[in-house]
C-alpha atoms as a PDB file:
ATOM      1  CA  UNK A   1     -11.512   3.440  24.923  1.00  0.00           C
ATOM      2  CA  UNK A   2     -13.689   2.574  21.951  1.00  0.00           C
ATOM      3  CA  UNK A   3     -12.068   3.378  18.590  1.00  0.00           C
ATOM      4  CA  UNK A   4     -14.041   3.590  15.355  1.00  0.00           C
ATOM      5  CA  UNK A   5     -12.052   3.443  12.107  1.00  0.00           C
ATOM      6  CA  UNK A   6     -13.956   4.998   9.201  1.00  0.00           C
ATOM      7  CA  UNK A   7     -12.275   3.472   6.174  1.00  0.00           C
ATOM      8  CA  UNK A   8     -12.165   4.829   2.636  1.00  0.00           C
ATOM      9  CA  UNK A   9     -13.292   1.470   1.288  1.00  0.00           C
ATOM     10  CA  UNK A  10     -13.665  -2.270   1.928  1.00  0.00           C
ATOM     11  CA  UNK A  11     -10.905  -4.615   3.025  1.00  0.00           C
ATOM     12  CA  UNK A  12     -10.008  -5.226  -0.623  1.00  0.00           C
ATOM     13  CA  UNK A  13      -8.628  -1.672  -0.798  1.00  0.00           C
ATOM     14  CA  UNK A  14      -4.939  -1.767   0.088  1.00  0.00           C
ATOM     15  CA  UNK A  15      -4.806   1.433   2.121  1.00  0.00           C
ATOM     16  CA  UNK A  16      -7.968   0.554   4.056  1.00  0.00           C
ATOM     17  CA  UNK A  17      -6.736  -2.952   4.709  1.00  0.00           C
ATOM     18  CA  UNK A  18      -3.351  -1.875   6.064  1.00  0.00           C
ATOM     19  CA  UNK A  19      -4.568   1.209   7.913  1.00  0.00           C
ATOM     20  CA  UNK A  20      -7.937   0.145   9.307  1.00  0.00           C
ATOM     21  CA  UNK A  21      -8.975  -3.492   9.083  1.00  0.00           C
ATOM     22  CA  UNK A  22      -5.673  -5.097  10.004  1.00  0.00           C
ATOM     23  CA  UNK A  23      -4.610  -2.711  12.821  1.00  0.00           C
ATOM     24  CA  UNK A  24      -8.065  -2.877  14.410  1.00  0.00           C
ATOM     25  CA  UNK A  25      -7.594  -6.619  15.007  1.00  0.00           C
ATOM     26  CA  UNK A  26      -4.844  -5.832  17.508  1.00  0.00           C
ATOM     27  CA  UNK A  27      -6.626  -3.069  19.404  1.00  0.00           C
ATOM     28  CA  UNK A  28      -8.726  -3.889  22.445  1.00  0.00           C
ATOM     29  CA  UNK A  29     -11.952  -2.122  21.452  1.00  0.00           C
ATOM     30  CA  UNK A  30     -11.766  -1.094  17.817  1.00  0.00           C
ATOM     31  CA  UNK A  31     -14.011  -1.633  14.821  1.00  0.00           C
ATOM     32  CA  UNK A  32     -14.186  -0.598  11.171  1.00  0.00           C
ATOM     33  CA  UNK A  33     -16.972   0.817   9.050  1.00  0.00           C
ATOM     34  CA  UNK A  34     -16.616   2.139   5.502  1.00  0.00           C
ATOM     35  CA  UNK A  35     -17.355   5.805   4.916  1.00  0.00           C
ATOM     36  CA  UNK A  36     -20.187   4.755   2.599  1.00  0.00           C
ATOM     37  CA  UNK A  37     -21.820   2.586   5.267  1.00  0.00           C
ATOM     38  CA  UNK A  38     -21.204   5.228   7.904  1.00  0.00           C
ATOM     39  CA  UNK A  39     -23.093   7.866   5.915  1.00  0.00           C
ATOM     40  CA  UNK A  40     -25.858   5.442   4.923  1.00  0.00           C
ATOM     41  CA  UNK A  41     -26.419   4.332   8.503  1.00  0.00           C
ATOM     42  CA  UNK A  42     -26.374   7.904   9.789  1.00  0.00           C
ATOM     43  CA  UNK A  43     -28.922   9.064   7.235  1.00  0.00           C
ATOM     44  CA  UNK A  44     -31.266   6.093   7.394  1.00  0.00           C
ATOM     45  CA  UNK A  45     -31.334   5.508  11.136  1.00  0.00           C
ATOM     46  CA  UNK A  46     -30.016   8.868  12.364  1.00  0.00           C
ATOM     47  CA  UNK A  47     -27.680   6.944  14.647  1.00  0.00           C
ATOM     48  CA  UNK A  48     -24.024   7.009  13.674  1.00  0.00           C
ATOM     49  CA  UNK A  49     -21.708   4.520  15.405  1.00  0.00           C
ATOM     50  CA  UNK A  50     -20.707   5.803  18.824  1.00  0.00           C
ATOM     51  CA  UNK A  51     -17.078   5.815  19.898  1.00  0.00           C
ATOM     52  CA  UNK A  52     -14.588   7.673  22.037  1.00  0.00           C
ATOM     53  CA  UNK A  53     -12.288   8.241  19.057  1.00  0.00           C
ATOM     54  CA  UNK A  54     -13.058   8.351  15.343  1.00  0.00           C
ATOM     55  CA  UNK A  55     -10.252   7.794  12.865  1.00  0.00           C
ATOM     56  CA  UNK A  56     -11.150   9.039   9.379  1.00  0.00           C
ATOM     57  CA  UNK A  57      -9.050   7.291   6.749  1.00  0.00           C
ATOM     58  CA  UNK A  58      -8.362   9.270   3.557  1.00  0.00           C
ATOM     59  CA  UNK A  59     -11.822  10.913   3.487  1.00  0.00           C
ATOM     60  CA  UNK A  60     -13.302  13.063   6.246  1.00  0.00           C
ATOM     61  CA  UNK A  61     -16.328  15.312   6.641  1.00  0.00           C
ATOM     62  CA  UNK A  62     -16.213  18.078   9.280  1.00  0.00           C
ATOM     63  CA  UNK A  63     -20.008  18.467   9.171  1.00  0.00           C
ATOM     64  CA  UNK A  64     -20.370  14.891  10.407  1.00  0.00           C
ATOM     65  CA  UNK A  65     -17.689  15.368  13.052  1.00  0.00           C
ATOM     66  CA  UNK A  66     -19.697  18.183  14.619  1.00  0.00           C
ATOM     67  CA  UNK A  67     -22.574  15.788  15.264  1.00  0.00           C
ATOM     68  CA  UNK A  68     -20.442  13.127  16.932  1.00  0.00           C
ATOM     69  CA  UNK A  69     -19.309  13.470  20.531  1.00  0.00           C
ATOM     70  CA  UNK A  70     -15.769  12.211  20.793  1.00  0.00           C
ATOM     71  CA  UNK A  71     -12.315  12.908  19.474  1.00  0.00           C
ATOM     72  CA  UNK A  72     -11.476  12.895  15.784  1.00  0.00           C
ATOM     73  CA  UNK A  73      -8.261  12.024  13.977  1.00  0.00           C
ATOM     74  CA  UNK A  74      -7.463  12.137  10.285  1.00  0.00           C
ATOM     75  CA  UNK A  75      -5.350   9.435   8.620  1.00  0.00           C
ATOM     76  CA  UNK A  76      -3.957  10.381   5.208  1.00  0.00           C
ATOM     77  CA  UNK A  77      -2.010   8.319   2.686  1.00  0.00           C
ATOM     78  CA  UNK A  78      -2.067  10.778  -0.232  1.00  0.00           C
ATOM     79  CA  UNK A  79      -1.288  14.527  -0.443  1.00  0.00           C
ATOM     80  CA  UNK A  80      -4.900  15.667  -0.444  1.00  0.00           C
ATOM     81  CA  UNK A  81      -3.657  19.069   0.731  1.00  0.00           C
ATOM     82  CA  UNK A  82      -2.055  19.514  -2.704  1.00  0.00           C
ATOM     83  CA  UNK A  83      -5.173  18.888  -4.717  1.00  0.00           C
ATOM     84  CA  UNK A  84      -8.003  19.995  -2.384  1.00  0.00           C
ATOM     85  CA  UNK A  85      -6.386  22.546  -0.060  1.00  0.00           C
ATOM     86  CA  UNK A  86      -9.615  24.206   1.073  1.00  0.00           C
ATOM     87  CA  UNK A  87     -11.194  20.892   2.059  1.00  0.00           C
ATOM     88  CA  UNK A  88      -7.945  19.791   3.701  1.00  0.00           C
ATOM     89  CA  UNK A  89      -7.841  22.967   5.816  1.00  0.00           C
ATOM     90  CA  UNK A  90     -11.397  22.387   7.053  1.00  0.00           C
ATOM     91  CA  UNK A  91     -10.473  18.843   8.039  1.00  0.00           C
ATOM     92  CA  UNK A  92      -7.261  19.995   9.704  1.00  0.00           C
ATOM     93  CA  UNK A  93      -9.171  22.516  11.838  1.00  0.00           C
ATOM     94  CA  UNK A  94     -11.728  19.876  12.850  1.00  0.00           C
ATOM     95  CA  UNK A  95      -9.471  17.102  14.109  1.00  0.00           C
ATOM     96  CA  UNK A  96      -7.323  16.575  17.159  1.00  0.00           C
ATOM     97  CA  UNK A  97      -4.444  15.170  15.147  1.00  0.00           C
ATOM     98  CA  UNK A  98      -3.272  13.944  11.766  1.00  0.00           C
ATOM     99  CA  UNK A  99      -1.396  10.778  10.866  1.00  0.00           C
ATOM    100  CA  UNK A 100       0.357   9.947   7.587  1.00  0.00           C
ATOM    101  CA  UNK A 101       1.384   6.634   6.071  1.00  0.00           C
ATOM    102  CA  UNK A 102       5.070   7.471   5.616  1.00  0.00           C
ATOM    103  CA  UNK A 103       7.674   9.992   6.822  1.00  0.00           C
ATOM    104  CA  UNK A 104       7.933  11.984   3.575  1.00  0.00           C
ATOM    105  CA  UNK A 105       4.185  12.575   3.436  1.00  0.00           C
ATOM    106  CA  UNK A 106       4.126  13.518   7.125  1.00  0.00           C
ATOM    107  CA  UNK A 107       6.997  15.966   6.610  1.00  0.00           C
ATOM    108  CA  UNK A 108       5.215  17.576   3.661  1.00  0.00           C
ATOM    109  CA  UNK A 109       1.919  17.845   5.548  1.00  0.00           C
ATOM    110  CA  UNK A 110       3.652  19.299   8.604  1.00  0.00           C
ATOM    111  CA  UNK A 111       5.258  22.028   6.498  1.00  0.00           C
ATOM    112  CA  UNK A 112       1.933  22.803   4.823  1.00  0.00           C
ATOM    113  CA  UNK A 113      -0.273  22.780   7.932  1.00  0.00           C
ATOM    114  CA  UNK A 114       2.137  24.219  10.476  1.00  0.00           C
ATOM    115  CA  UNK A 115       1.344  21.412  12.919  1.00  0.00           C
ATOM    116  CA  UNK A 116       2.950  18.065  13.557  1.00  0.00           C
ATOM    117  CA  UNK A 117       1.740  15.209  11.395  1.00  0.00           C
ATOM    118  CA  UNK A 118       2.493  11.868  13.037  1.00  0.00           C
ATOM    119  CA  UNK A 119       3.684   8.771  11.169  1.00  0.00           C
ATOM    120  CA  UNK A 120       2.103   5.334  11.355  1.00  0.00           C
ATOM    121  CA  UNK A 121       3.497   3.334   8.471  1.00  0.00           C
ATOM    122  CA  UNK A 122       1.641   0.826   6.334  1.00  0.00           C
ATOM    123  CA  UNK A 123       2.328  -2.629   7.724  1.00  0.00           C
ATOM    124  CA  UNK A 124       1.240  -6.185   6.993  1.00  0.00           C
ATOM    125  CA  UNK A 125      -0.796  -8.955   8.558  1.00  0.00           C
ATOM    126  CA  UNK A 126       1.552 -11.932   8.262  1.00  0.00           C
ATOM    127  CA  UNK A 127      -1.338 -14.361   8.453  1.00  0.00           C
ATOM    128  CA  UNK A 128      -2.377 -13.137   5.000  1.00  0.00           C
ATOM    129  CA  UNK A 129       1.081 -13.746   3.508  1.00  0.00           C
ATOM    130  CA  UNK A 130       1.150 -17.490   4.012  1.00  0.00           C
ATOM    131  CA  UNK A 131       3.163 -18.430   0.894  1.00  0.00           C
ATOM    132  CA  UNK A 132       6.782 -17.615   0.044  1.00  0.00           C
ATOM    133  CA  UNK A 133       8.627 -18.201  -3.212  1.00  0.00           C
ATOM    134  CA  UNK A 134      11.090 -21.092  -3.338  1.00  0.00           C
ATOM    135  CA  UNK A 135      13.611 -19.921  -5.925  1.00  0.00           C
ATOM    136  CA  UNK A 136      15.062 -22.492  -8.306  1.00  0.00           C
ATOM    137  CA  UNK A 137      17.233 -22.376 -11.395  1.00  0.00           C
ATOM    138  CA  UNK A 138      14.775 -21.849 -14.209  1.00  0.00           C
ATOM    139  CA  UNK A 139      14.968 -21.286 -17.946  1.00  0.00           C
ATOM    140  CA  UNK A 140      12.270 -18.622 -17.808  1.00  0.00           C
ATOM    141  CA  UNK A 141      12.305 -15.910 -15.169  1.00  0.00           C
ATOM    142  CA  UNK A 142       8.895 -14.520 -14.305  1.00  0.00           C
ATOM    143  CA  UNK A 143       8.727 -10.852 -13.319  1.00  0.00           C
ATOM    144  CA  UNK A 144       5.608  -9.288 -11.795  1.00  0.00           C
ATOM    145  CA  UNK A 145       4.278  -5.767 -11.404  1.00  0.00           C
ATOM    146  CA  UNK A 146       1.083  -5.084  -9.423  1.00  0.00           C
ATOM    147  CA  UNK A 147      -1.023  -2.166  -8.340  1.00  0.00           C
ATOM    148  CA  UNK A 148      -3.932  -0.081  -9.590  1.00  0.00           C
ATOM    149  CA  UNK A 149      -4.152  -0.032 -13.387  1.00  0.00           C
ATOM    150  CA  UNK A 150      -3.808   3.752 -13.595  1.00  0.00           C
ATOM    151  CA  UNK A 151      -0.345   3.378 -12.026  1.00  0.00           C
ATOM    152  CA  UNK A 152       0.959   1.227 -14.884  1.00  0.00           C
ATOM    153  CA  UNK A 153       2.598   4.415 -16.080  1.00  0.00           C
ATOM    154  CA  UNK A 154       5.431   3.688 -13.654  1.00  0.00           C
ATOM    155  CA  UNK A 155       6.486   0.739 -15.835  1.00  0.00           C
ATOM    156  CA  UNK A 156       7.676   3.165 -18.500  1.00  0.00           C
ATOM    157  CA  UNK A 157      10.741   3.830 -16.347  1.00  0.00           C
ATOM    158  CA  UNK A 158      11.833   0.177 -16.594  1.00  0.00           C
ATOM    159  CA  UNK A 159      10.698  -0.648 -20.127  1.00  0.00           C
ATOM    160  CA  UNK A 160      14.022   0.167 -21.826  1.00  0.00           C
ATOM    161  CA  UNK A 161      15.936  -2.188 -19.535  1.00  0.00           C
ATOM    162  CA  UNK A 162      13.361  -4.947 -19.979  1.00  0.00           C
ATOM    163  CA  UNK A 163      13.660  -4.558 -23.748  1.00  0.00           C
ATOM    164  CA  UNK A 164      17.446  -4.638 -23.460  1.00  0.00           C
ATOM    165  CA  UNK A 165      17.257  -7.886 -21.519  1.00  0.00           C
ATOM    166  CA  UNK A 166      15.159  -9.489 -24.236  1.00  0.00           C
ATOM    167  CA  UNK A 167      17.488  -8.194 -26.954  1.00  0.00           C
ATOM    168  CA  UNK A 168      20.394  -9.859 -25.146  1.00  0.00           C
ATOM    169  CA  UNK A 169      18.664 -13.201 -25.040  1.00  0.00           C
ATOM    170  CA  UNK A 170      17.267 -13.324 -21.513  1.00  0.00           C
ATOM    171  CA  UNK A 171      14.084 -15.370 -21.288  1.00  0.00           C
ATOM    172  CA  UNK A 172      11.796 -13.211 -19.174  1.00  0.00           C
ATOM    173  CA  UNK A 173       8.087 -12.579 -18.964  1.00  0.00           C
ATOM    174  CA  UNK A 174       6.200  -9.780 -17.236  1.00  0.00           C
ATOM    175  CA  UNK A 175       2.911 -10.298 -15.425  1.00  0.00           C
ATOM    176  CA  UNK A 176       0.664  -7.322 -14.782  1.00  0.00           C
ATOM    177  CA  UNK A 177      -1.606  -7.923 -11.799  1.00  0.00           C
ATOM    178  CA  UNK A 178      -4.226  -5.216 -11.415  1.00  0.00           C
ATOM    179  CA  UNK A 179      -7.905  -4.327 -11.534  1.00  0.00           C
ATOM    180  CA  UNK A 180      -8.116  -3.932 -15.320  1.00  0.00           C
ATOM    181  CA  UNK A 181      -6.401  -6.916 -16.977  1.00  0.00           C
ATOM    182  CA  UNK A 182      -8.483  -6.638 -20.139  1.00  0.00           C
ATOM    183  CA  UNK A 183      -6.653  -3.439 -21.103  1.00  0.00           C
ATOM    184  CA  UNK A 184      -3.373  -3.961 -23.007  1.00  0.00           C
ATOM    185  CA  UNK A 185      -0.294  -2.102 -21.824  1.00  0.00           C
ATOM    186  CA  UNK A 186       0.563  -0.756 -25.302  1.00  0.00           C
ATOM    187  CA  UNK A 187       4.196  -0.013 -24.494  1.00  0.00           C
ATOM    188  CA  UNK A 188       5.496  -2.273 -27.250  1.00  0.00           C
ATOM    189  CA  UNK A 189       5.834  -5.925 -28.237  1.00  0.00           C
ATOM    190  CA  UNK A 190       9.341  -6.576 -26.946  1.00  0.00           C
ATOM    191  CA  UNK A 191       8.282  -8.282 -23.703  1.00  0.00           C
ATOM    192  CA  UNK A 192       5.984 -11.304 -23.403  1.00  0.00           C
ATOM    193  CA  UNK A 193       3.143 -10.081 -21.201  1.00  0.00           C
ATOM    194  CA  UNK A 194       0.637 -11.902 -19.025  1.00  0.00           C
ATOM    195  CA  UNK A 195      -2.340 -10.238 -17.363  1.00  0.00           C
ATOM    196  CA  UNK A 196      -4.149 -11.271 -14.179  1.00  0.00           C
ATOM    197  CA  UNK A 197      -7.007  -9.743 -12.245  1.00  0.00           C
ATOM    198  CA  UNK A 198      -6.154  -8.803  -8.681  1.00  0.00           C
ATOM    199  CA  UNK A 199      -8.212 -10.216  -5.836  1.00  0.00           C
ATOM    200  CA  UNK A 200      -7.487 -10.412  -2.152  1.00  0.00           C
ATOM    201  CA  UNK A 201      -7.736 -14.208  -2.244  1.00  0.00           C
ATOM    202  CA  UNK A 202      -5.354 -14.601  -5.194  1.00  0.00           C
ATOM    203  CA  UNK A 203      -2.891 -11.827  -4.366  1.00  0.00           C
ATOM    204  CA  UNK A 204      -0.384 -13.909  -2.409  1.00  0.00           C
ATOM    205  CA  UNK A 205      -0.474 -17.095  -4.558  1.00  0.00           C
ATOM    206  CA  UNK A 206      -0.013 -14.991  -7.685  1.00  0.00           C
ATOM    207  CA  UNK A 207       2.899 -12.926  -6.377  1.00  0.00           C
ATOM    208  CA  UNK A 208       4.589 -15.967  -4.826  1.00  0.00           C
ATOM    209  CA  UNK A 209       4.460 -17.771  -8.189  1.00  0.00           C
ATOM    210  CA  UNK A 210       6.937 -15.252  -9.638  1.00  0.00           C
ATOM    211  CA  UNK A 211      10.680 -14.697  -9.350  1.00  0.00           C
ATOM    212  CA  UNK A 212      11.177 -10.923  -9.210  1.00  0.00           C
ATOM    213  CA  UNK A 213       8.947  -8.013  -8.210  1.00  0.00           C
ATOM    214  CA  UNK A 214       9.405  -5.043 -10.549  1.00  0.00           C
ATOM    215  CA  UNK A 215       8.171  -1.934  -8.730  1.00  0.00           C
ATOM    216  CA  UNK A 216       9.342   1.351 -10.256  1.00  0.00           C
ATOM    217  CA  UNK A 217       8.275   4.423  -8.295  1.00  0.00           C
ATOM    218  CA  UNK A 218       5.282   6.471  -9.315  1.00  0.00           C
ATOM    219  CA  UNK A 219       6.677   9.279 -11.489  1.00  0.00           C
ATOM    220  CA  UNK A 220       6.952  12.879 -10.375  1.00  0.00           C
ATOM    221  CA  UNK A 221       6.764  14.541  -6.936  1.00  0.00           C
ATOM    222  CA  UNK A 222       3.750  12.493  -5.832  1.00  0.00           C
ATOM    223  CA  UNK A 223       5.869   9.360  -6.113  1.00  0.00           C
ATOM    224  CA  UNK A 224       8.213  10.690  -3.438  1.00  0.00           C
ATOM    225  CA  UNK A 225       5.331  10.646  -0.936  1.00  0.00           C
ATOM    226  CA  UNK A 226       4.088   7.140  -1.702  1.00  0.00           C
ATOM    227  CA  UNK A 227       4.061   4.317   0.825  1.00  0.00           C
ATOM    228  CA  UNK A 228       6.372   1.303   0.473  1.00  0.00           C
ATOM    229  CA  UNK A 229       3.492  -1.162   0.953  1.00  0.00           C
ATOM    230  CA  UNK A 230       3.902  -2.815  -2.482  1.00  0.00           C
ATOM    231  CA  UNK A 231       7.541  -3.514  -1.724  1.00  0.00           C
ATOM    232  CA  UNK A 232       6.582  -4.979   1.643  1.00  0.00           C
ATOM    233  CA  UNK A 233       4.035  -7.305   0.023  1.00  0.00           C
ATOM    234  CA  UNK A 234       6.687  -8.617  -2.368  1.00  0.00           C
ATOM    235  CA  UNK A 235       9.131  -9.198   0.469  1.00  0.00           C
ATOM    236  CA  UNK A 236       6.489 -10.973   2.517  1.00  0.00           C
ATOM    237  CA  UNK A 237       6.076 -13.352  -0.435  1.00  0.00           C
ATOM    238  CA  UNK A 238       9.829 -13.993  -0.599  1.00  0.00           C
ATOM    239  CA  UNK A 239      10.565 -12.033  -3.774  1.00  0.00           C
ATOM    240  CA  UNK A 240      13.527  -9.747  -4.396  1.00  0.00           C
ATOM    241  CA  UNK A 241      12.418  -6.242  -5.324  1.00  0.00           C
ATOM    242  CA  UNK A 242      13.856  -3.978  -7.999  1.00  0.00           C
ATOM    243  CA  UNK A 243      12.851  -0.654  -9.520  1.00  0.00           C
ATOM    244  CA  UNK A 244      14.284  -1.777 -12.861  1.00  0.00           C
ATOM    245  CA  UNK A 245      16.579   1.235 -13.216  1.00  0.00           C
ATOM    246  CA  UNK A 246      19.858  -0.703 -13.030  1.00  0.00           C
ATOM    247  CA  UNK A 247      20.302  -3.051 -15.980  1.00  0.00           C
ATOM    248  CA  UNK A 248      23.126  -5.010 -14.358  1.00  0.00           C
ATOM    249  CA  UNK A 249      21.135  -5.500 -11.175  1.00  0.00           C
ATOM    250  CA  UNK A 250      18.397  -7.041 -13.313  1.00  0.00           C
ATOM    251  CA  UNK A 251      20.947  -9.304 -15.017  1.00  0.00           C
ATOM    252  CA  UNK A 252      22.265 -10.490 -11.647  1.00  0.00           C
ATOM    253  CA  UNK A 253      18.776 -11.276 -10.363  1.00  0.00           C
ATOM    254  CA  UNK A 254      17.847 -13.144 -13.532  1.00  0.00           C
ATOM    255  CA  UNK A 255      21.044 -15.189 -13.720  1.00  0.00           C
ATOM    256  CA  UNK A 256      21.370 -16.150 -10.050  1.00  0.00           C
ATOM    257  CA  UNK A 257      18.482 -17.941  -8.374  1.00  0.00           C
ATOM    258  CA  UNK A 258      20.514 -18.273  -5.174  1.00  0.00           C
ATOM    259  CA  UNK A 259      20.800 -14.479  -5.029  1.00  0.00           C
ATOM    260  CA  UNK A 260      17.049 -14.246  -5.468  1.00  0.00           C
ATOM    261  CA  UNK A 261      16.589 -16.710  -2.605  1.00  0.00           C
ATOM    262  CA  UNK A 262      18.933 -14.825  -0.269  1.00  0.00           C
ATOM    263  CA  UNK A 263      17.258 -11.512  -0.972  1.00  0.00           C
ATOM    264  CA  UNK A 264      13.813 -13.075  -0.692  1.00  0.00           C
ATOM    265  CA  UNK A 265      14.659 -14.657   2.657  1.00  0.00           C
ATOM    266  CA  UNK A 266      16.101 -11.398   3.984  1.00  0.00           C
ATOM    267  CA  UNK A 267      13.063  -9.448   2.816  1.00  0.00           C
ATOM    268  CA  UNK A 268      10.691 -11.819   4.567  1.00  0.00           C
ATOM    269  CA  UNK A 269      12.782 -11.601   7.739  1.00  0.00           C
ATOM    270  CA  UNK A 270      12.686  -7.793   7.592  1.00  0.00           C
ATOM    271  CA  UNK A 271       8.886  -7.836   7.328  1.00  0.00           C
ATOM    272  CA  UNK A 272       8.590 -10.251  10.229  1.00  0.00           C
ATOM    273  CA  UNK A 273      10.916  -8.103  12.350  1.00  0.00           C
ATOM    274  CA  UNK A 274       9.835  -4.550  11.532  1.00  0.00           C
ATOM    275  CA  UNK A 275       6.668  -4.440   9.434  1.00  0.00           C
ATOM    276  CA  UNK A 276       3.917  -6.390  11.206  1.00  0.00           C
ATOM    277  CA  UNK A 277       0.638  -4.581  11.687  1.00  0.00           C
ATOM    278  CA  UNK A 278       0.485  -5.138  15.444  1.00  0.00           C
ATOM    279  CA  UNK A 279       3.144  -2.408  15.619  1.00  0.00           C
ATOM    280  CA  UNK A 280       0.729   0.006  13.950  1.00  0.00           C
ATOM    281  CA  UNK A 281      -1.943  -0.882  16.486  1.00  0.00           C
ATOM    282  CA  UNK A 282       0.436  -0.172  19.372  1.00  0.00           C
ATOM    283  CA  UNK A 283       1.392   3.163  17.809  1.00  0.00           C
ATOM    284  CA  UNK A 284      -2.268   4.151  17.564  1.00  0.00           C
ATOM    285  CA  UNK A 285      -2.904   3.201  21.168  1.00  0.00           C
ATOM    286  CA  UNK A 286       0.103   5.194  22.411  1.00  0.00           C
ATOM    287  CA  UNK A 287      -0.866   8.187  20.307  1.00  0.00           C
ATOM    288  CA  UNK A 288      -4.496   8.207  21.387  1.00  0.00           C
ATOM    289  CA  UNK A 289      -3.648   7.753  25.055  1.00  0.00           C
ATOM    290  CA  UNK A 290      -0.912  10.368  25.222  1.00  0.00           C
END
C-alpha cells in the first residue's frame, strides 16, 4: 500500500516533521510532499503523485481529492472546525477518516462532526535528539522557552513568578528561542533575556544547553487542545519541564541540580519508552489496513 503524506510545510515545521516526515520513515511505502509542491506539480505537469492513500496534514482541498483515485484521510493538529467550519465540513465529507494530534482535540472534533476522530499523537525521532543536559550545580540557572513567536503570549502566565524569583535573589536568565529573535518581549526589565533564532540544526544543542524548560500553556480554550510536543522535546533533551505557575516548584528546580537531573533522566526515559515516532507509523498502518 503506497501512502502519500501531503504536509502543511517543510520538515522545519514542527507539526509536519512529527506527523509526516518522521512517521513516513518507518512505513514500508510512504513518502512526503508539501501541499505547495503538490499543487505546483499538479498544475504544471497535470500529474499529481499517485498513491493508494493520501494523508492531508492540516490543509486539505476536496476539489483535488476528486481528481485522485485512492482513499483520503485528514490529519488535524488545530481546531480548524472552530475557525473555518464550512471548509472543515467539506473536508469531513470528502475523506474516509480524520486523525487528530491529541485526545482533547479528537474529542472536540468528534463532538462537532458526529463521527469518530482517531488519535495519533505527536511523537519524536530519537535520532534527532542526540544531546541531553548534564545538570551540575551552577551559580546561574538558565531557563528556556521555545515555540513560534506569536505564542510568546503564554509567557505572561509565568512572568510574575519569574520576577519574584529575581526579587528574592535567584540568579536566573530566560532564553527565548523562536523565529523572530529580533523582536523584544516587552514584558518588563526584571528578567535578563537572551534571544536565539530557531533552526532544526540548532534546536537540540540550544535546548540541551539550558537547565529548565519553561512551557506555560497557550492561553484560553485553544490551549486545552494543543499537543504536548514542546514538552516532549524538552524531555528528550534531558530538561525538567515546568509551566511556571508554582513558585515553590520553580525554587526547588533552581536550587537542586540533582532534582533537575532526576527529572531530566525520567523525562528522557519516558520519551524513549512511550513517545518514539515508530509508534505513530504503526498506528497509521493499523488504521489504514483496518
